[in-house]
Structure formats: structure tokens, C-alpha cells
């Protein structure tokens, strides 16, 4: 059952990173085994502020797996955001 999705919610969670600074991932995913993931989907360009917010959220929430999916040179590049 590992890796199976129990629930997937568009913009289902917002992370407070600092005073008046938050990050809402595109998808909040709950896995069948109880794990949670945040999935961010971007085109070929990722703005610096979006990249920083994603990395800060990943470091502040080590129990959550953060995944970045980018459309790059006619294909999807999927990576896990380091803590």
C-alpha cells in the first residue's frame, strides 16, 4: 500500500513561515499509510521567492515530504526538496 494516495486536496494547507509570510503548496497529499506530502507544480521558470518559501517550509516541517514538479524542456522534472 505504500505510495497509494488516500486524499489529494488543491491548496489544502497553508504554512506560516514568518510574520505576514506564508506558503500554500499546490497540492496537499495524504497517503494511504498516513504519510503526508506537499506537491508544488511549476512551469519552466520558478521565481526566487517561490523557491525560497518552498525550501523554508520543507526545513520547518521535516515530517512532510515536499515535492517539486517542473515542466522543463518538454518533460516533467520531479524532485524532492531537501530539508
PDB file of N, CA and C in Angstrom:
ATOM      1  N   UNK A   1       0.800  -1.195   0.000  1.00  0.00           N
ATOM      2  CA  UNK A   1       0.000   0.000   0.000  1.00  0.00           C
ATOM      3  C   UNK A   1       0.850   1.270   0.000  1.00  0.00           C
ATOM      4  N   UNK A   2       2.132   1.162   0.192  1.00  0.00           N
ATOM      5  CA  UNK A   2       2.999   2.331   0.236  1.00  0.00           C
ATOM      6  C   UNK A   2       2.932   3.096  -1.073  1.00  0.00           C
ATOM      7  N   UNK A   3       2.782   4.420  -0.967  1.00  0.00           N
ATOM      8  CA  UNK A   3       2.713   5.271  -2.144  1.00  0.00           C
ATOM      9  C   UNK A   3       1.329   5.500  -2.680  1.00  0.00           C
ATOM     10  N   UNK A   4       0.328   4.770  -2.182  1.00  0.00           N
ATOM     11  CA  UNK A   4      -1.037   4.978  -2.652  1.00  0.00           C
ATOM     12  C   UNK A   4      -1.616   6.221  -1.984  1.00  0.00           C
ATOM     13  N   UNK A   5      -2.404   6.958  -2.738  1.00  0.00           N
ATOM     14  CA  UNK A   5      -2.972   8.213  -2.255  1.00  0.00           C
ATOM     15  C   UNK A   5      -4.339   7.979  -1.641  1.00  0.00           C
ATOM     16  N   UNK A   6      -4.521   8.466  -0.411  1.00  0.00           N
ATOM     17  CA  UNK A   6      -5.819   8.393   0.263  1.00  0.00           C
ATOM     18  C   UNK A   6      -6.634   9.649  -0.032  1.00  0.00           C
ATOM     19  N   UNK A   7      -5.946  10.798  -0.116  1.00  0.00           N
ATOM     20  CA  UNK A   7      -6.643  12.071  -0.361  1.00  0.00           C
ATOM     21  C   UNK A   7      -5.672  13.056  -0.994  1.00  0.00           C
ATOM     22  N   UNK A   8      -6.195  13.884  -1.886  1.00  0.00           N
ATOM     23  CA  UNK A   8      -5.397  14.909  -2.555  1.00  0.00           C
ATOM     24  C   UNK A   8      -6.251  16.167  -2.633  1.00  0.00           C
ATOM     25  N   UNK A   9      -5.792  17.265  -1.998  1.00  0.00           N
ATOM     26  CA  UNK A   9      -6.593  18.485  -1.919  1.00  0.00           C
ATOM     27  C   UNK A   9      -5.814  19.651  -2.517  1.00  0.00           C
ATOM     28  N   UNK A  10      -6.427  20.355  -3.471  1.00  0.00           N
ATOM     29  CA  UNK A  10      -5.801  21.528  -4.082  1.00  0.00           C
ATOM     30  C   UNK A  10      -5.717  22.650  -3.055  1.00  0.00           C
ATOM     31  N   UNK A  11      -4.510  23.177  -2.845  1.00  0.00           N
ATOM     32  CA  UNK A  11      -4.243  24.256  -1.885  1.00  0.00           C
ATOM     33  C   UNK A  11      -4.870  23.952  -0.522  1.00  0.00           C
ATOM     34  N   UNK A  12      -4.686  22.717  -0.058  1.00  0.00           N
ATOM     35  CA  UNK A  12      -5.331  22.241   1.165  1.00  0.00           C
ATOM     36  C   UNK A  12      -4.681  22.651   2.465  1.00  0.00           C
ATOM     37  N   UNK A  13      -3.504  23.269   2.419  1.00  0.00           N
ATOM     38  CA  UNK A  13      -2.829  23.672   3.656  1.00  0.00           C
ATOM     39  C   UNK A  13      -1.971  24.895   3.380  1.00  0.00           C
ATOM     40  N   UNK A  14      -1.908  25.780   4.365  1.00  0.00           N
ATOM     41  CA  UNK A  14      -1.033  26.948   4.294  1.00  0.00           C
ATOM     42  C   UNK A  14      -0.056  26.891   5.458  1.00  0.00           C
ATOM     43  N   UNK A  15       1.214  27.096   5.171  1.00  0.00           N
ATOM     44  CA  UNK A  15       2.263  27.111   6.184  1.00  0.00           C
ATOM     45  C   UNK A  15       2.626  28.551   6.511  1.00  0.00           C
ATOM     46  N   UNK A  16       2.619  28.893   7.794  1.00  0.00           N
ATOM     47  CA  UNK A  16       3.060  30.212   8.238  1.00  0.00           C
ATOM     48  C   UNK A  16       4.573  30.144   8.419  1.00  0.00           C
ATOM     49  N   UNK A  17       5.312  30.898   7.625  1.00  0.00           N
ATOM     50  CA  UNK A  17       6.765  30.853   7.658  1.00  0.00           C
ATOM     51  C   UNK A  17       7.360  31.923   8.571  1.00  0.00           C
ATOM     52  N   UNK A  18       6.726  33.077   8.598  1.00  0.00           N
ATOM     53  CA  UNK A  18       7.162  34.201   9.421  1.00  0.00           C
ATOM     54  C   UNK A  18       5.995  35.182   9.493  1.00  0.00           C
ATOM     55  N   UNK A  19       6.185  36.268  10.205  1.00  0.00           N
ATOM     56  CA  UNK A  19       5.137  37.275  10.313  1.00  0.00           C
ATOM     57  C   UNK A  19       4.765  37.789   8.922  1.00  0.00           C
ATOM     58  N   UNK A  20       3.501  37.630   8.542  1.00  0.00           N
ATOM     59  CA  UNK A  20       2.964  38.078   7.251  1.00  0.00           C
ATOM     60  C   UNK A  20       3.650  37.422   6.048  1.00  0.00           C
ATOM     61  N   UNK A  21       4.136  36.210   6.250  1.00  0.00           N
ATOM     62  CA  UNK A  21       4.774  35.456   5.170  1.00  0.00           C
ATOM     63  C   UNK A  21       4.306  34.009   5.255  1.00  0.00           C
ATOM     64  N   UNK A  22       3.617  33.557   4.222  1.00  0.00           N
ATOM     65  CA  UNK A  22       3.093  32.192   4.232  1.00  0.00           C
ATOM     66  C   UNK A  22       3.373  31.513   2.898  1.00  0.00           C
ATOM     67  N   UNK A  23       3.155  30.211   2.904  1.00  0.00           N
ATOM     68  CA  UNK A  23       3.345  29.403   1.699  1.00  0.00           C
ATOM     69  C   UNK A  23       2.213  28.396   1.597  1.00  0.00           C
ATOM     70  N   UNK A  24       1.542  28.358   0.454  1.00  0.00           N
ATOM     71  CA  UNK A  24       0.477  27.400   0.191  1.00  0.00           C
ATOM     72  C   UNK A  24       0.888  26.545  -1.005  1.00  0.00           C
ATOM     73  N   UNK A  25       1.208  25.282  -0.771  1.00  0.00           N
ATOM     74  CA  UNK A  25       1.570  24.408  -1.897  1.00  0.00           C
ATOM     75  C   UNK A  25       0.347  24.116  -2.767  1.00  0.00           C
ATOM     76  N   UNK A  26       0.600  23.741  -4.004  1.00  0.00           N
ATOM     77  CA  UNK A  26      -0.497  23.451  -4.930  1.00  0.00           C
ATOM     78  C   UNK A  26      -1.343  22.270  -4.460  1.00  0.00           C
ATOM     79  N   UNK A  27      -0.703  21.229  -3.969  1.00  0.00           N
ATOM     80  CA  UNK A  27      -1.434  20.021  -3.576  1.00  0.00           C
ATOM     81  C   UNK A  27      -0.988  19.532  -2.212  1.00  0.00           C
ATOM     82  N   UNK A  28      -1.948  19.208  -1.360  1.00  0.00           N
ATOM     83  CA  UNK A  28      -1.720  18.575  -0.056  1.00  0.00           C
ATOM     84  C   UNK A  28      -2.166  17.129  -0.226  1.00  0.00           C
ATOM     85  N   UNK A  29      -1.229  16.200  -0.102  1.00  0.00           N
ATOM     86  CA  UNK A  29      -1.492  14.791  -0.394  1.00  0.00           C
ATOM     87  C   UNK A  29      -1.367  13.966   0.880  1.00  0.00           C
ATOM     88  N   UNK A  30      -2.401  13.191   1.199  1.00  0.00           N
ATOM     89  CA  UNK A  30      -2.352  12.241   2.309  1.00  0.00           C
ATOM     90  C   UNK A  30      -2.241  10.845   1.705  1.00  0.00           C
ATOM     91  N   UNK A  31      -1.220  10.120   2.123  1.00  0.00           N
ATOM     92  CA  UNK A  31      -1.002   8.779   1.601  1.00  0.00           C
ATOM     93  C   UNK A  31      -1.789   7.752   2.410  1.00  0.00           C
ATOM     94  N   UNK A  32      -2.009   6.599   1.831  1.00  0.00           N
ATOM     95  CA  UNK A  32      -2.771   5.533   2.487  1.00  0.00           C
ATOM     96  C   UNK A  32      -2.096   5.064   3.772  1.00  0.00           C
ATOM     97  N   UNK A  33      -0.760   5.175   3.841  1.00  0.00           N
ATOM     98  CA  UNK A  33      -0.038   4.746   5.044  1.00  0.00           C
ATOM     99  C   UNK A  33       0.023   5.837   6.117  1.00  0.00           C
ATOM    100  N   UNK A  34      -0.654   6.982   5.880  1.00  0.00           N
ATOM    101  CA  UNK A  34      -0.702   8.061   6.862  1.00  0.00           C
ATOM    102  C   UNK A  34       0.314   9.161   6.631  1.00  0.00           C
ATOM    103  N   UNK A  35       1.257   8.951   5.734  1.00  0.00           N
ATOM    104  CA  UNK A  35       2.243   9.987   5.420  1.00  0.00           C
ATOM    105  C   UNK A  35       1.601  11.153   4.688  1.00  0.00           C
ATOM    106  N   UNK A  36       2.259  12.306   4.736  1.00  0.00           N
ATOM    107  CA  UNK A  36       1.750  13.476   4.026  1.00  0.00           C
ATOM    108  C   UNK A  36       2.841  14.056   3.131  1.00  0.00           C
ATOM    109  N   UNK A  37       2.398  14.630   2.017  1.00  0.00           N
ATOM    110  CA  UNK A  37       3.305  15.250   1.060  1.00  0.00           C
ATOM    111  C   UNK A  37       2.686  16.556   0.566  1.00  0.00           C
ATOM    112  N   UNK A  38       3.547  17.490   0.206  1.00  0.00           N
ATOM    113  CA  UNK A  38       3.129  18.722  -0.461  1.00  0.00           C
ATOM    114  C   UNK A  38       3.739  18.708  -1.846  1.00  0.00           C
ATOM    115  N   UNK A  39       2.916  18.960  -2.848  1.00  0.00           N
ATOM    116  CA  UNK A  39       3.385  18.956  -4.231  1.00  0.00           C
ATOM    117  C   UNK A  39       3.223  20.348  -4.818  1.00  0.00           C
ATOM    118  N   UNK A  40       4.302  20.866  -5.337  1.00  0.00           N
ATOM    119  CA  UNK A  40       4.325  22.171  -5.986  1.00  0.00           C
ATOM    120  C   UNK A  40       4.546  21.934  -7.473  1.00  0.00           C
ATOM    121  N   UNK A  41       3.717  22.545  -8.324  1.00  0.00           N
ATOM    122  CA  UNK A  41       3.808  22.360  -9.767  1.00  0.00           C
ATOM    123  C   UNK A  41       4.155  23.706 -10.402  1.00  0.00           C
ATOM    124  N   UNK A  42       5.224  23.722 -11.198  1.00  0.00           N
ATOM    125  CA  UNK A  42       5.696  24.958 -11.827  1.00  0.00           C
ATOM    126  C   UNK A  42       5.978  24.721 -13.297  1.00  0.00           C
ATOM    127  N   UNK A  43       6.015  25.827 -14.030  1.00  0.00           N
ATOM    128  CA  UNK A  43       6.440  25.792 -15.423  1.00  0.00           C
ATOM    129  C   UNK A  43       7.959  25.793 -15.484  1.00  0.00           C
ATOM    130  N   UNK A  44       8.503  26.243 -16.592  1.00  0.00           N
ATOM    131  CA  UNK A  44       9.955  26.217 -16.752  1.00  0.00           C
ATOM    132  C   UNK A  44      10.660  27.243 -15.867  1.00  0.00           C
ATOM    133  N   UNK A  45       9.956  28.310 -15.478  1.00  0.00           N
ATOM    134  CA  UNK A  45      10.568  29.335 -14.625  1.00  0.00           C
ATOM    135  C   UNK A  45       9.987  29.271 -13.221  1.00  0.00           C
ATOM    136  N   UNK A  46      10.871  29.292 -12.227  1.00  0.00           N
ATOM    137  CA  UNK A  46      10.443  29.328 -10.827  1.00  0.00           C
ATOM    138  C   UNK A  46      11.002  30.614 -10.228  1.00  0.00           C
ATOM    139  N   UNK A  47      10.122  31.489  -9.762  1.00  0.00           N
ATOM    140  CA  UNK A  47      10.543  32.747  -9.145  1.00  0.00           C
ATOM    141  C   UNK A  47      11.350  32.466  -7.888  1.00  0.00           C
ATOM    142  N   UNK A  48      12.302  33.337  -7.597  1.00  0.00           N
ATOM    143  CA  UNK A  48      13.171  33.160  -6.427  1.00  0.00           C
ATOM    144  C   UNK A  48      12.392  33.082  -5.126  1.00  0.00           C
ATOM    145  N   UNK A  49      11.381  33.945  -4.950  1.00  0.00           N
ATOM    146  CA  UNK A  49      10.622  33.932  -3.687  1.00  0.00           C
ATOM    147  C   UNK A  49       9.875  32.616  -3.510  1.00  0.00           C
ATOM    148  N   UNK A  50       9.384  32.044  -4.592  1.00  0.00           N
ATOM    149  CA  UNK A  50       8.679  30.761  -4.511  1.00  0.00           C
ATOM    150  C   UNK A  50       9.647  29.646  -4.120  1.00  0.00           C
ATOM    151  N   UNK A  51      10.840  29.681  -4.681  1.00  0.00           N
ATOM    152  CA  UNK A  51      11.864  28.673  -4.381  1.00  0.00           C
ATOM    153  C   UNK A  51      12.281  28.754  -2.908  1.00  0.00           C
ATOM    154  N   UNK A  52      12.474  29.980  -2.405  1.00  0.00           N
ATOM    155  CA  UNK A  52      12.880  30.171  -1.012  1.00  0.00           C
ATOM    156  C   UNK A  52      11.779  29.714  -0.064  1.00  0.00           C
ATOM    157  N   UNK A  53      10.531  30.103  -0.332  1.00  0.00           N
ATOM    158  CA  UNK A  53       9.417  29.694   0.531  1.00  0.00           C
ATOM    159  C   UNK A  53       9.279  28.179   0.584  1.00  0.00           C
ATOM    160  N   UNK A  54       9.448  27.528  -0.548  1.00  0.00           N
ATOM    161  CA  UNK A  54       9.362  26.069  -0.609  1.00  0.00           C
ATOM    162  C   UNK A  54      10.447  25.425   0.257  1.00  0.00           C
ATOM    163  N   UNK A  55      11.677  25.919   0.153  1.00  0.00           N
ATOM    164  CA  UNK A  55      12.779  25.371   0.942  1.00  0.00           C
ATOM    165  C   UNK A  55      12.599  25.636   2.435  1.00  0.00           C
ATOM    166  N   UNK A  56      12.136  26.827   2.797  1.00  0.00           N
ATOM    167  CA  UNK A  56      11.923  27.158   4.208  1.00  0.00           C
ATOM    168  C   UNK A  56      10.819  26.283   4.790  1.00  0.00           C
ATOM    169  N   UNK A  57       9.723  26.118   4.052  1.00  0.00           N
ATOM    170  CA  UNK A  57       8.625  25.266   4.520  1.00  0.00           C
ATOM    171  C   UNK A  57       9.101  23.834   4.733  1.00  0.00           C
ATOM    172  N   UNK A  58       9.940  23.331   3.836  1.00  0.00           N
ATOM    173  CA  UNK A  58      10.468  21.966   3.964  1.00  0.00           C
ATOM    174  C   UNK A  58      11.329  21.826   5.209  1.00  0.00           C
ATOM    175  N   UNK A  59      12.152  22.831   5.490  1.00  0.00           N
ATOM    176  CA  UNK A  59      13.016  22.776   6.682  1.00  0.00           C
ATOM    177  C   UNK A  59      12.212  22.892   7.970  1.00  0.00           C
ATOM    178  N   UNK A  60      11.142  23.682   7.948  1.00  0.00           N
ATOM    179  CA  UNK A  60      10.332  23.895   9.148  1.00  0.00           C
ATOM    180  C   UNK A  60       9.396  22.724   9.441  1.00  0.00           C
ATOM    181  N   UNK A  61       9.171  21.856   8.445  1.00  0.00           N
ATOM    182  CA  UNK A  61       8.225  20.747   8.576  1.00  0.00           C
ATOM    183  C   UNK A  61       8.869  19.449   8.111  1.00  0.00           C
ATOM    184  N   UNK A  62       9.827  18.927   8.871  1.00  0.00           N
ATOM    185  CA  UNK A  62      10.554  17.724   8.429  1.00  0.00           C
ATOM    186  C   UNK A  62       9.688  16.474   8.322  1.00  0.00           C
ATOM    187  N   UNK A  63       8.513  16.476   8.943  1.00  0.00           N
ATOM    188  CA  UNK A  63       7.623  15.315   8.868  1.00  0.00           C
ATOM    189  C   UNK A  63       6.857  15.245   7.545  1.00  0.00           C
ATOM    190  N   UNK A  64       6.944  16.314   6.750  1.00  0.00           N
ATOM    191  CA  UNK A  64       6.232  16.389   5.478  1.00  0.00           C
ATOM    192  C   UNK A  64       7.238  16.274   4.337  1.00  0.00           C
ATOM    193  N   UNK A  65       6.921  15.465   3.338  1.00  0.00           N
ATOM    194  CA  UNK A  65       7.752  15.363   2.142  1.00  0.00           C
ATOM    195  C   UNK A  65       7.296  16.438   1.158  1.00  0.00           C
ATOM    196  N   UNK A  66       8.221  17.266   0.698  1.00  0.00           N
ATOM    197  CA  UNK A  66       7.916  18.318  -0.267  1.00  0.00           C
ATOM    198  C   UNK A  66       8.458  17.913  -1.632  1.00  0.00           C
ATOM    199  N   UNK A  67       7.592  17.979  -2.637  1.00  0.00           N
ATOM    200  CA  UNK A  67       7.937  17.550  -3.988  1.00  0.00           C
ATOM    201  C   UNK A  67       7.726  18.715  -4.948  1.00  0.00           C
ATOM    202  N   UNK A  68       8.704  18.949  -5.816  1.00  0.00           N
ATOM    203  CA  UNK A  68       8.606  19.984  -6.839  1.00  0.00           C
ATOM    204  C   UNK A  68       8.540  19.313  -8.198  1.00  0.00           C
ATOM    205  N   UNK A  69       7.491  19.629  -8.957  1.00  0.00           N
ATOM    206  CA  UNK A  69       7.342  19.135 -10.327  1.00  0.00           C
ATOM    207  C   UNK A  69       7.455  20.332 -11.269  1.00  0.00           C
ATOM    208  N   UNK A  70       8.433  20.283 -12.174  1.00  0.00           N
ATOM    209  CA  UNK A  70       8.654  21.389 -13.122  1.00  0.00           C
ATOM    210  C   UNK A  70       8.555  20.880 -14.552  1.00  0.00           C
ATOM    211  N   UNK A  71       7.903  21.662 -15.397  1.00  0.00           N
ATOM    212  CA  UNK A  71       7.862  21.373 -16.820  1.00  0.00           C
ATOM    213  C   UNK A  71       9.101  22.009 -17.430  1.00  0.00           C
ATOM    214  N   UNK A  72      10.027  21.188 -17.891  1.00  0.00           N
ATOM    215  CA  UNK A  72      11.313  21.684 -18.357  1.00  0.00           C
ATOM    216  C   UNK A  72      11.716  20.961 -19.633  1.00  0.00           C
ATOM    217  N   UNK A  73      11.907  21.706 -20.689  1.00  0.00           N
ATOM    218  CA  UNK A  73      12.327  21.160 -21.985  1.00  0.00           C
ATOM    219  C   UNK A  73      11.457  19.991 -22.427  1.00  0.00           C
ATOM    220  N   UNK A  74      10.148  20.241 -22.432  1.00  0.00           N
ATOM    221  CA  UNK A  74       9.164  19.285 -22.945  1.00  0.00           C
ATOM    222  C   UNK A  74       8.991  18.021 -22.107  1.00  0.00           C
ATOM    223  N   UNK A  75       9.392  18.053 -20.841  1.00  0.00           N
ATOM    224  CA  UNK A  75       9.195  16.901 -19.967  1.00  0.00           C
ATOM    225  C   UNK A  75       9.059  17.370 -18.520  1.00  0.00           C
ATOM    226  N   UNK A  76       8.485  16.530 -17.684  1.00  0.00           N
ATOM    227  CA  UNK A  76       8.358  16.854 -16.263  1.00  0.00           C
ATOM    228  C   UNK A  76       9.614  16.410 -15.524  1.00  0.00           C
ATOM    229  N   UNK A  77      10.150  17.304 -14.714  1.00  0.00           N
ATOM    230  CA  UNK A  77      11.280  17.012 -13.830  1.00  0.00           C
ATOM    231  C   UNK A  77      10.715  16.998 -12.403  1.00  0.00           C
ATOM    232  N   UNK A  78      10.804  15.871 -11.744  1.00  0.00           N
ATOM    233  CA  UNK A  78      10.254  15.706 -10.389  1.00  0.00           C
ATOM    234  C   UNK A  78      11.415  15.578  -9.409  1.00  0.00           C
ATOM    235  N   UNK A  79      11.391  16.395  -8.350  1.00  0.00           N
ATOM    236  CA  UNK A  79      12.452  16.304  -7.345  1.00  0.00           C
ATOM    237  C   UNK A  79      11.876  16.501  -5.948  1.00  0.00           C
ATOM    238  N   UNK A  80      12.550  15.888  -4.980  1.00  0.00           N
ATOM    239  CA  UNK A  80      12.201  16.068  -3.580  1.00  0.00           C
ATOM    240  C   UNK A  80      13.011  17.250  -3.058  1.00  0.00           C
ATOM    241  N   UNK A  81      12.347  18.151  -2.337  1.00  0.00           N
ATOM    242  CA  UNK A  81      13.016  19.330  -1.804  1.00  0.00           C
ATOM    243  C   UNK A  81      13.819  18.921  -0.573  1.00  0.00           C
ATOM    244  N   UNK A  82      15.128  19.248  -0.562  1.00  0.00           N
ATOM    245  CA  UNK A  82      15.959  18.870   0.592  1.00  0.00           C
ATOM    246  C   UNK A  82      15.565  19.650   1.843  1.00  0.00           C
ATOM    247  N   UNK A  83      15.755  19.023   3.002  1.00  0.00           N
ATOM    248  CA  UNK A  83      15.443  19.652   4.294  1.00  0.00           C
ATOM    249  C   UNK A  83      16.541  20.598   4.692  1.00  0.00           C
TER     250      UNK A  83
END
